[in-house]
Amino acid sequence: MYLRKYIPSDCKEIAELFYDTIHTINAKDYTDKQLNAWADGKTNLTIWNQSFCEHFTIVAVENNRIIGFGDIDIDYIDRLYVHKNFQNKGIASAIYNELEKNTSVHKIITHASITAKPFFEHQGYKVIKKQQVIKHGIALTNYVMEKILYYPIIK
């Protein structure tokens, strides 16, 4: 597995990974109705590509196949997903570390799903609040989380 920067031709494969991961990995924490509201399979690739290009976006690749991706917009981790068949192999941590390394802020925020909350806690995030987000008229629980980054003072 290796990490590289996002390129626009990645977008379709990333959208498929997003849909498949949510509908399998997140199924233990959300109902079918919630999963379909969250990932309906109709991702607007033009909008996603634009946001991936505007953010710092990393993809994890193995055997010419994208197995994970993540993006950060200055101080907000927008998306971080790993292929359903590549869970618990350190891929999310590797992507996350690259995202954190490429920010210059002192605090990072994310809105973590029920499923992703333990991962972010392991990375040093604290829950600020539990919230309900409405997608296509369906309520989904997630957590606003933040991590304060400490940088050494250089004298």
N, C-alpha and C. Protein backbone atom coordinates (compact mmCIF):
# COMPACT_ATOMS: atom_id res chain seq x y z
N MET A 1 0.84 -1.17 0.00
CA MET A 1 0.00 0.00 0.00
C MET A 1 0.89 1.24 0.00
N TYR A 2 0.49 2.22 -0.78
CA TYR A 2 1.18 3.51 -0.74
C TYR A 2 0.16 4.64 -0.79
N LEU A 3 0.58 5.80 -0.33
CA LEU A 3 -0.28 6.98 -0.31
C LEU A 3 0.19 7.93 -1.40
N ARG A 4 -0.78 8.60 -2.02
CA ARG A 4 -0.46 9.63 -3.00
C ARG A 4 -1.54 10.69 -2.99
N LYS A 5 -1.26 11.80 -3.62
CA LYS A 5 -2.25 12.86 -3.72
C LYS A 5 -3.35 12.46 -4.70
N TYR A 6 -4.52 12.96 -4.44
CA TYR A 6 -5.69 12.76 -5.28
C TYR A 6 -5.48 13.35 -6.68
N ILE A 7 -6.00 12.65 -7.68
CA ILE A 7 -6.10 13.18 -9.05
C ILE A 7 -7.55 13.01 -9.50
N PRO A 8 -8.04 13.91 -10.37
CA PRO A 8 -9.46 13.89 -10.75
C PRO A 8 -9.98 12.55 -11.26
N SER A 9 -9.14 11.76 -11.89
CA SER A 9 -9.60 10.46 -12.40
C SER A 9 -9.91 9.47 -11.27
N ASP A 10 -9.57 9.81 -10.02
CA ASP A 10 -9.88 8.97 -8.86
C ASP A 10 -11.33 9.07 -8.41
N CYS A 11 -12.02 10.13 -8.79
CA CYS A 11 -13.30 10.49 -8.18
C CYS A 11 -14.36 9.39 -8.27
N LYS A 12 -14.53 8.78 -9.41
CA LYS A 12 -15.57 7.76 -9.57
C LYS A 12 -15.30 6.55 -8.66
N GLU A 13 -14.06 6.11 -8.63
CA GLU A 13 -13.69 4.96 -7.79
C GLU A 13 -13.87 5.30 -6.30
N ILE A 14 -13.53 6.52 -5.92
CA ILE A 14 -13.71 6.96 -4.54
C ILE A 14 -15.19 6.98 -4.17
N ALA A 15 -16.04 7.47 -5.07
CA ALA A 15 -17.48 7.51 -4.80
C ALA A 15 -18.04 6.11 -4.60
N GLU A 16 -17.56 5.14 -5.37
CA GLU A 16 -18.00 3.75 -5.21
C GLU A 16 -17.51 3.18 -3.87
N LEU A 17 -16.27 3.47 -3.50
CA LEU A 17 -15.73 3.02 -2.22
C LEU A 17 -16.55 3.62 -1.07
N PHE A 18 -16.86 4.90 -1.15
CA PHE A 18 -17.68 5.60 -0.16
C PHE A 18 -19.02 4.89 0.03
N TYR A 19 -19.72 4.64 -1.05
CA TYR A 19 -21.03 3.98 -0.99
C TYR A 19 -20.92 2.58 -0.38
N ASP A 20 -20.00 1.77 -0.89
CA ASP A 20 -19.86 0.39 -0.41
C ASP A 20 -19.45 0.33 1.07
N THR A 21 -18.55 1.21 1.47
CA THR A 21 -18.09 1.22 2.86
C THR A 21 -19.24 1.59 3.80
N ILE A 22 -19.96 2.63 3.47
CA ILE A 22 -21.07 3.05 4.33
C ILE A 22 -22.11 1.95 4.44
N HIS A 23 -22.44 1.32 3.32
CA HIS A 23 -23.51 0.32 3.33
C HIS A 23 -23.09 -1.03 3.91
N THR A 24 -21.82 -1.18 4.24
CA THR A 24 -21.39 -2.42 4.91
C THR A 24 -20.85 -2.12 6.31
N ILE A 25 -19.81 -1.32 6.40
CA ILE A 25 -19.14 -1.06 7.68
C ILE A 25 -20.04 -0.27 8.63
N ASN A 26 -20.73 0.74 8.13
CA ASN A 26 -21.57 1.58 8.99
C ASN A 26 -22.94 0.95 9.27
N ALA A 27 -23.24 -0.16 8.64
CA ALA A 27 -24.55 -0.81 8.81
C ALA A 27 -24.77 -1.30 10.25
N LYS A 28 -23.72 -1.50 11.01
CA LYS A 28 -23.89 -1.95 12.40
C LYS A 28 -24.40 -0.83 13.30
N ASP A 29 -24.25 0.43 12.87
CA ASP A 29 -24.62 1.57 13.70
C ASP A 29 -25.78 2.40 13.17
N TYR A 30 -26.20 2.15 11.94
CA TYR A 30 -27.26 2.94 11.31
C TYR A 30 -28.27 2.02 10.62
N THR A 31 -29.50 2.49 10.51
CA THR A 31 -30.55 1.71 9.84
C THR A 31 -30.38 1.80 8.32
N ASP A 32 -31.06 0.92 7.60
CA ASP A 32 -31.02 0.96 6.13
C ASP A 32 -31.48 2.32 5.61
N LYS A 33 -32.53 2.87 6.23
CA LYS A 33 -33.03 4.19 5.82
C LYS A 33 -31.95 5.25 5.99
N GLN A 34 -31.26 5.20 7.11
CA GLN A 34 -30.19 6.17 7.36
C GLN A 34 -29.02 5.99 6.38
N LEU A 35 -28.66 4.74 6.12
CA LEU A 35 -27.56 4.47 5.19
C LEU A 35 -27.90 4.99 3.79
N ASN A 36 -29.15 4.77 3.36
CA ASN A 36 -29.57 5.23 2.04
C ASN A 36 -29.63 6.75 1.95
N ALA A 37 -29.96 7.41 3.06
CA ALA A 37 -29.97 8.87 3.08
C ALA A 37 -28.54 9.42 3.02
N TRP A 38 -27.64 8.76 3.72
CA TRP A 38 -26.25 9.18 3.80
C TRP A 38 -25.53 8.95 2.47
N ALA A 39 -25.73 7.78 1.89
CA ALA A 39 -25.06 7.42 0.64
C ALA A 39 -26.10 6.79 -0.28
N ASP A 40 -26.65 7.62 -1.16
CA ASP A 40 -27.72 7.14 -2.03
C ASP A 40 -27.23 6.62 -3.38
N GLY A 41 -25.91 6.63 -3.60
CA GLY A 41 -25.36 6.13 -4.85
C GLY A 41 -25.45 7.14 -5.99
N LYS A 42 -25.86 8.36 -5.68
CA LYS A 42 -25.99 9.41 -6.69
C LYS A 42 -25.04 10.56 -6.41
N THR A 43 -23.83 10.24 -6.04
CA THR A 43 -22.84 11.27 -5.73
C THR A 43 -22.60 12.14 -6.95
N ASN A 44 -22.63 13.46 -6.75
CA ASN A 44 -22.33 14.39 -7.83
C ASN A 44 -20.81 14.46 -7.96
N LEU A 45 -20.28 13.77 -8.97
CA LEU A 45 -18.83 13.66 -9.12
C LEU A 45 -18.17 15.00 -9.41
N THR A 46 -18.87 15.90 -10.09
CA THR A 46 -18.31 17.22 -10.38
C THR A 46 -18.07 17.99 -9.08
N ILE A 47 -19.06 17.97 -8.19
CA ILE A 47 -18.93 18.67 -6.91
C ILE A 47 -17.87 18.01 -6.04
N TRP A 48 -17.89 16.67 -5.99
CA TRP A 48 -16.88 15.98 -5.19
C TRP A 48 -15.48 16.25 -5.71
N ASN A 49 -15.28 16.17 -7.01
CA ASN A 49 -13.96 16.42 -7.59
C ASN A 49 -13.49 17.82 -7.23
N GLN A 50 -14.38 18.79 -7.34
CA GLN A 50 -14.02 20.16 -7.02
C GLN A 50 -13.57 20.27 -5.56
N SER A 51 -14.31 19.64 -4.64
CA SER A 51 -13.92 19.74 -3.23
C SER A 51 -12.62 18.98 -2.97
N PHE A 52 -12.43 17.84 -3.60
CA PHE A 52 -11.17 17.10 -3.42
C PHE A 52 -9.98 17.92 -3.93
N CYS A 53 -10.19 18.64 -5.04
CA CYS A 53 -9.10 19.46 -5.59
C CYS A 53 -8.83 20.69 -4.73
N GLU A 54 -9.86 21.23 -4.09
CA GLU A 54 -9.69 22.40 -3.22
C GLU A 54 -9.09 22.02 -1.86
N HIS A 55 -9.34 20.80 -1.41
CA HIS A 55 -8.82 20.33 -0.13
C HIS A 55 -7.48 19.63 -0.35
N PHE A 56 -6.80 19.32 0.76
CA PHE A 56 -5.64 18.43 0.68
C PHE A 56 -6.21 17.02 0.77
N THR A 57 -6.10 16.26 -0.31
CA THR A 57 -6.73 14.95 -0.42
C THR A 57 -5.70 13.88 -0.72
N ILE A 58 -5.77 12.80 0.04
CA ILE A 58 -4.84 11.66 -0.08
C ILE A 58 -5.63 10.40 -0.40
N VAL A 59 -5.07 9.56 -1.26
CA VAL A 59 -5.65 8.24 -1.52
C VAL A 59 -4.62 7.17 -1.17
N ALA A 60 -5.13 6.06 -0.66
CA ALA A 60 -4.30 4.87 -0.40
C ALA A 60 -4.54 3.91 -1.55
N VAL A 61 -3.46 3.38 -2.11
CA VAL A 61 -3.56 2.52 -3.28
C VAL A 61 -2.83 1.21 -3.03
N GLU A 62 -3.44 0.13 -3.47
CA GLU A 62 -2.80 -1.18 -3.45
C GLU A 62 -3.18 -1.90 -4.73
N ASN A 63 -2.19 -2.42 -5.44
CA ASN A 63 -2.42 -3.11 -6.71
C ASN A 63 -3.28 -2.29 -7.66
N ASN A 64 -2.94 -1.02 -7.81
CA ASN A 64 -3.64 -0.08 -8.69
C ASN A 64 -5.11 0.12 -8.35
N ARG A 65 -5.48 -0.16 -7.12
CA ARG A 65 -6.86 0.00 -6.67
C ARG A 65 -6.88 0.92 -5.45
N ILE A 66 -7.80 1.87 -5.44
CA ILE A 66 -7.92 2.75 -4.29
C ILE A 66 -8.58 1.99 -3.15
N ILE A 67 -7.91 1.98 -1.99
CA ILE A 67 -8.43 1.23 -0.85
C ILE A 67 -8.77 2.15 0.33
N GLY A 68 -8.56 3.45 0.13
CA GLY A 68 -8.92 4.42 1.16
C GLY A 68 -8.66 5.82 0.66
N PHE A 69 -9.30 6.77 1.33
CA PHE A 69 -9.07 8.18 0.97
C PHE A 69 -9.45 9.07 2.15
N GLY A 70 -8.93 10.26 2.14
CA GLY A 70 -9.26 11.25 3.15
C GLY A 70 -8.94 12.63 2.65
N ASP A 71 -9.66 13.63 3.19
CA ASP A 71 -9.38 15.00 2.80
C ASP A 71 -9.59 15.95 3.98
N ILE A 72 -8.80 17.02 3.96
CA ILE A 72 -8.88 18.04 4.99
C ILE A 72 -8.95 19.41 4.32
N ASP A 73 -9.84 20.25 4.82
CA ASP A 73 -10.00 21.62 4.34
C ASP A 73 -9.51 22.54 5.46
N ILE A 74 -8.28 22.91 5.44
CA ILE A 74 -7.59 23.74 6.43
C ILE A 74 -7.63 23.10 7.82
N ASP A 75 -8.80 23.15 8.50
CA ASP A 75 -8.88 22.63 9.86
C ASP A 75 -10.04 21.65 10.05
N TYR A 76 -10.60 21.16 8.95
CA TYR A 76 -11.77 20.29 9.04
C TYR A 76 -11.54 19.02 8.22
N ILE A 77 -11.53 17.87 8.90
CA ILE A 77 -11.44 16.60 8.17
C ILE A 77 -12.84 16.31 7.64
N ASP A 78 -12.95 16.36 6.33
CA ASP A 78 -14.25 16.23 5.69
C ASP A 78 -14.63 14.76 5.53
N ARG A 79 -13.74 13.99 4.91
CA ARG A 79 -14.03 12.57 4.67
C ARG A 79 -12.79 11.74 4.98
N LEU A 80 -13.02 10.54 5.50
CA LEU A 80 -11.95 9.57 5.74
C LEU A 80 -12.60 8.19 5.72
N TYR A 81 -12.34 7.45 4.65
CA TYR A 81 -12.99 6.15 4.47
C TYR A 81 -11.97 5.13 3.97
N VAL A 82 -12.15 3.89 4.41
CA VAL A 82 -11.32 2.78 3.98
C VAL A 82 -12.23 1.70 3.42
N HIS A 83 -11.80 1.12 2.32
CA HIS A 83 -12.55 0.07 1.63
C HIS A 83 -13.00 -1.01 2.62
N LYS A 84 -14.19 -1.50 2.42
CA LYS A 84 -14.77 -2.49 3.34
C LYS A 84 -13.90 -3.73 3.52
N ASN A 85 -13.12 -4.11 2.52
CA ASN A 85 -12.28 -5.31 2.61
C ASN A 85 -10.88 -5.02 3.17
N PHE A 86 -10.61 -3.78 3.55
CA PHE A 86 -9.27 -3.41 4.02
C PHE A 86 -9.32 -2.72 5.39
N GLN A 87 -10.32 -3.05 6.17
CA GLN A 87 -10.48 -2.46 7.50
C GLN A 87 -9.44 -3.03 8.47
N ASN A 88 -9.10 -2.23 9.49
CA ASN A 88 -8.23 -2.65 10.59
C ASN A 88 -6.83 -3.10 10.15
N LYS A 89 -6.30 -2.39 9.15
CA LYS A 89 -4.95 -2.69 8.67
C LYS A 89 -4.04 -1.47 8.78
N GLY A 90 -4.50 -0.43 9.49
CA GLY A 90 -3.68 0.77 9.65
C GLY A 90 -3.80 1.78 8.52
N ILE A 91 -4.68 1.52 7.57
CA ILE A 91 -4.82 2.40 6.41
C ILE A 91 -5.41 3.75 6.82
N ALA A 92 -6.47 3.74 7.61
CA ALA A 92 -7.07 5.00 8.05
C ALA A 92 -6.06 5.82 8.85
N SER A 93 -5.29 5.16 9.70
CA SER A 93 -4.28 5.87 10.49
C SER A 93 -3.21 6.49 9.59
N ALA A 94 -2.78 5.76 8.58
CA ALA A 94 -1.77 6.29 7.65
C ALA A 94 -2.31 7.50 6.90
N ILE A 95 -3.54 7.41 6.43
CA ILE A 95 -4.16 8.55 5.74
C ILE A 95 -4.30 9.71 6.70
N TYR A 96 -4.84 9.43 7.89
CA TYR A 96 -5.04 10.48 8.88
C TYR A 96 -3.72 11.20 9.21
N ASN A 97 -2.67 10.45 9.45
CA ASN A 97 -1.38 11.04 9.80
C ASN A 97 -0.89 11.98 8.71
N GLU A 98 -1.11 11.61 7.46
CA GLU A 98 -0.70 12.46 6.34
C GLU A 98 -1.54 13.74 6.30
N LEU A 99 -2.84 13.62 6.58
CA LEU A 99 -3.70 14.81 6.61
C LEU A 99 -3.26 15.76 7.72
N GLU A 100 -3.03 15.20 8.91
CA GLU A 100 -2.64 16.04 10.05
C GLU A 100 -1.29 16.71 9.79
N LYS A 101 -0.39 15.97 9.21
CA LYS A 101 0.95 16.48 8.93
C LYS A 101 0.91 17.66 7.94
N ASN A 102 -0.10 17.72 7.13
CA ASN A 102 -0.20 18.75 6.10
C ASN A 102 -1.14 19.88 6.45
N THR A 103 -1.34 20.11 7.73
CA THR A 103 -2.10 21.27 8.17
C THR A 103 -1.20 22.14 9.04
N SER A 104 -1.48 23.42 9.07
CA SER A 104 -0.67 24.32 9.89
C SER A 104 -1.48 24.95 11.02
N VAL A 105 -2.66 24.40 11.26
CA VAL A 105 -3.52 24.95 12.31
C VAL A 105 -3.23 24.24 13.64
N HIS A 106 -3.78 24.80 14.72
CA HIS A 106 -3.56 24.20 16.04
C HIS A 106 -4.76 23.40 16.54
N LYS A 107 -5.84 23.39 15.74
CA LYS A 107 -7.02 22.62 16.14
C LYS A 107 -7.68 22.07 14.87
N ILE A 108 -8.01 20.78 14.90
CA ILE A 108 -8.70 20.14 13.78
C ILE A 108 -10.06 19.68 14.27
N ILE A 109 -11.06 19.88 13.45
CA ILE A 109 -12.45 19.49 13.75
C ILE A 109 -12.85 18.39 12.77
N THR A 110 -13.73 17.52 13.19
CA THR A 110 -14.38 16.57 12.29
C THR A 110 -15.78 16.29 12.82
N HIS A 111 -16.62 15.80 11.95
CA HIS A 111 -17.94 15.31 12.34
C HIS A 111 -17.89 13.80 12.12
N ALA A 112 -17.72 13.07 13.19
CA ALA A 112 -17.49 11.62 13.11
C ALA A 112 -18.80 10.86 13.27
N SER A 113 -18.95 9.84 12.46
CA SER A 113 -20.10 8.94 12.59
C SER A 113 -19.97 8.14 13.89
N ILE A 114 -21.03 7.46 14.25
CA ILE A 114 -20.99 6.56 15.41
C ILE A 114 -19.86 5.55 15.20
N THR A 115 -19.74 5.05 13.97
CA THR A 115 -18.74 4.03 13.64
C THR A 115 -17.32 4.59 13.74
N ALA A 116 -17.12 5.82 13.31
CA ALA A 116 -15.77 6.41 13.26
C ALA A 116 -15.33 7.04 14.58
N LYS A 117 -16.25 7.27 15.48
CA LYS A 117 -15.93 7.95 16.75
C LYS A 117 -14.76 7.29 17.49
N PRO A 118 -14.76 5.96 17.68
CA PRO A 118 -13.62 5.35 18.40
C PRO A 118 -12.27 5.58 17.69
N PHE A 119 -12.27 5.56 16.37
CA PHE A 119 -11.03 5.82 15.62
C PHE A 119 -10.50 7.21 15.96
N PHE A 120 -11.37 8.21 15.88
CA PHE A 120 -10.94 9.58 16.15
C PHE A 120 -10.54 9.77 17.61
N GLU A 121 -11.22 9.10 18.53
CA GLU A 121 -10.81 9.17 19.93
C GLU A 121 -9.39 8.61 20.09
N HIS A 122 -9.10 7.53 19.39
CA HIS A 122 -7.77 6.93 19.42
C HIS A 122 -6.71 7.89 18.86
N GLN A 123 -7.11 8.78 17.96
CA GLN A 123 -6.20 9.77 17.38
C GLN A 123 -6.04 10.99 18.28
N GLY A 124 -6.76 11.02 19.40
CA GLY A 124 -6.63 12.13 20.34
C GLY A 124 -7.75 13.15 20.29
N TYR A 125 -8.82 12.85 19.59
CA TYR A 125 -9.96 13.77 19.49
C TYR A 125 -10.85 13.64 20.72
N LYS A 126 -11.51 14.73 21.05
CA LYS A 126 -12.49 14.78 22.13
C LYS A 126 -13.84 15.16 21.53
N VAL A 127 -14.90 14.59 22.08
CA VAL A 127 -16.25 14.92 21.63
C VAL A 127 -16.62 16.29 22.17
N ILE A 128 -17.05 17.17 21.28
CA ILE A 128 -17.55 18.49 21.67
C ILE A 128 -19.06 18.40 21.89
N LYS A 129 -19.75 17.71 20.97
CA LYS A 129 -21.18 17.50 21.14
C LYS A 129 -21.67 16.39 20.21
N LYS A 130 -22.71 15.73 20.66
CA LYS A 130 -23.44 14.75 19.86
C LYS A 130 -24.53 15.54 19.13
N GLN A 131 -24.77 15.22 17.87
CA GLN A 131 -25.77 15.97 17.12
C GLN A 131 -26.54 15.07 16.15
N GLN A 132 -27.65 15.59 15.70
CA GLN A 132 -28.46 14.95 14.67
C GLN A 132 -28.33 15.79 13.39
N VAL A 133 -27.90 15.15 12.33
CA VAL A 133 -27.79 15.80 11.03
C VAL A 133 -28.90 15.25 10.15
N ILE A 134 -29.58 16.11 9.42
CA ILE A 134 -30.68 15.67 8.55
C ILE A 134 -30.17 15.55 7.13
N LYS A 135 -30.30 14.37 6.56
CA LYS A 135 -29.95 14.10 5.16
C LYS A 135 -31.18 13.52 4.48
N HIS A 136 -31.64 14.18 3.45
CA HIS A 136 -32.83 13.73 2.71
C HIS A 136 -33.99 13.44 3.65
N GLY A 137 -34.15 14.29 4.67
CA GLY A 137 -35.26 14.15 5.60
C GLY A 137 -35.08 13.10 6.69
N ILE A 138 -33.93 12.47 6.75
CA ILE A 138 -33.65 11.40 7.73
C ILE A 138 -32.58 11.89 8.70
N ALA A 139 -32.81 11.68 10.00
CA ALA A 139 -31.84 12.09 11.02
C ALA A 139 -30.75 11.04 11.18
N LEU A 140 -29.51 11.53 11.22
CA LEU A 140 -28.34 10.69 11.44
C LEU A 140 -27.57 11.26 12.62
N THR A 141 -27.17 10.40 13.53
CA THR A 141 -26.37 10.83 14.68
C THR A 141 -24.90 10.89 14.27
N ASN A 142 -24.24 11.99 14.65
CA ASN A 142 -22.79 12.03 14.55
C ASN A 142 -22.25 12.89 15.69
N TYR A 143 -20.94 13.03 15.73
CA TYR A 143 -20.28 13.72 16.82
C TYR A 143 -19.35 14.80 16.28
N VAL A 144 -19.52 16.02 16.78
CA VAL A 144 -18.55 17.07 16.50
C VAL A 144 -17.38 16.79 17.43
N MET A 145 -16.20 16.61 16.84
CA MET A 145 -15.02 16.27 17.61
C MET A 145 -13.88 17.22 17.24
N GLU A 146 -12.98 17.43 18.20
CA GLU A 146 -11.83 18.28 17.90
C GLU A 146 -10.57 17.70 18.53
N LYS A 147 -9.47 18.07 17.92
CA LYS A 147 -8.16 17.70 18.44
C LYS A 147 -7.30 18.95 18.46
N ILE A 148 -6.71 19.22 19.60
CA ILE A 148 -5.77 20.32 19.73
C ILE A 148 -4.38 19.77 19.40
N LEU A 149 -3.71 20.40 18.46
CA LEU A 149 -2.37 19.98 18.07
C LEU A 149 -1.35 20.79 18.85
N TYR A 150 -0.40 20.12 19.41
CA TYR A 150 0.65 20.78 20.17
C TYR A 150 1.94 20.71 19.39
N TYR A 151 2.51 21.85 19.13
CA TYR A 151 3.76 21.90 18.42
C TYR A 151 4.85 22.36 19.40
N PRO A 152 6.03 21.80 19.31
CA PRO A 152 7.10 22.24 20.22
C PRO A 152 7.50 23.67 19.91
N ILE A 153 7.86 24.41 20.95
CA ILE A 153 8.35 25.78 20.76
C ILE A 153 9.85 25.69 20.45
N ILE A 154 10.21 26.25 19.33
CA ILE A 154 11.61 26.21 18.92
C ILE A 154 12.30 27.50 19.39
N LYS A 155 13.39 27.32 20.13
CA LYS A 155 14.11 28.50 20.67
C LYS A 155 15.36 28.76 19.90
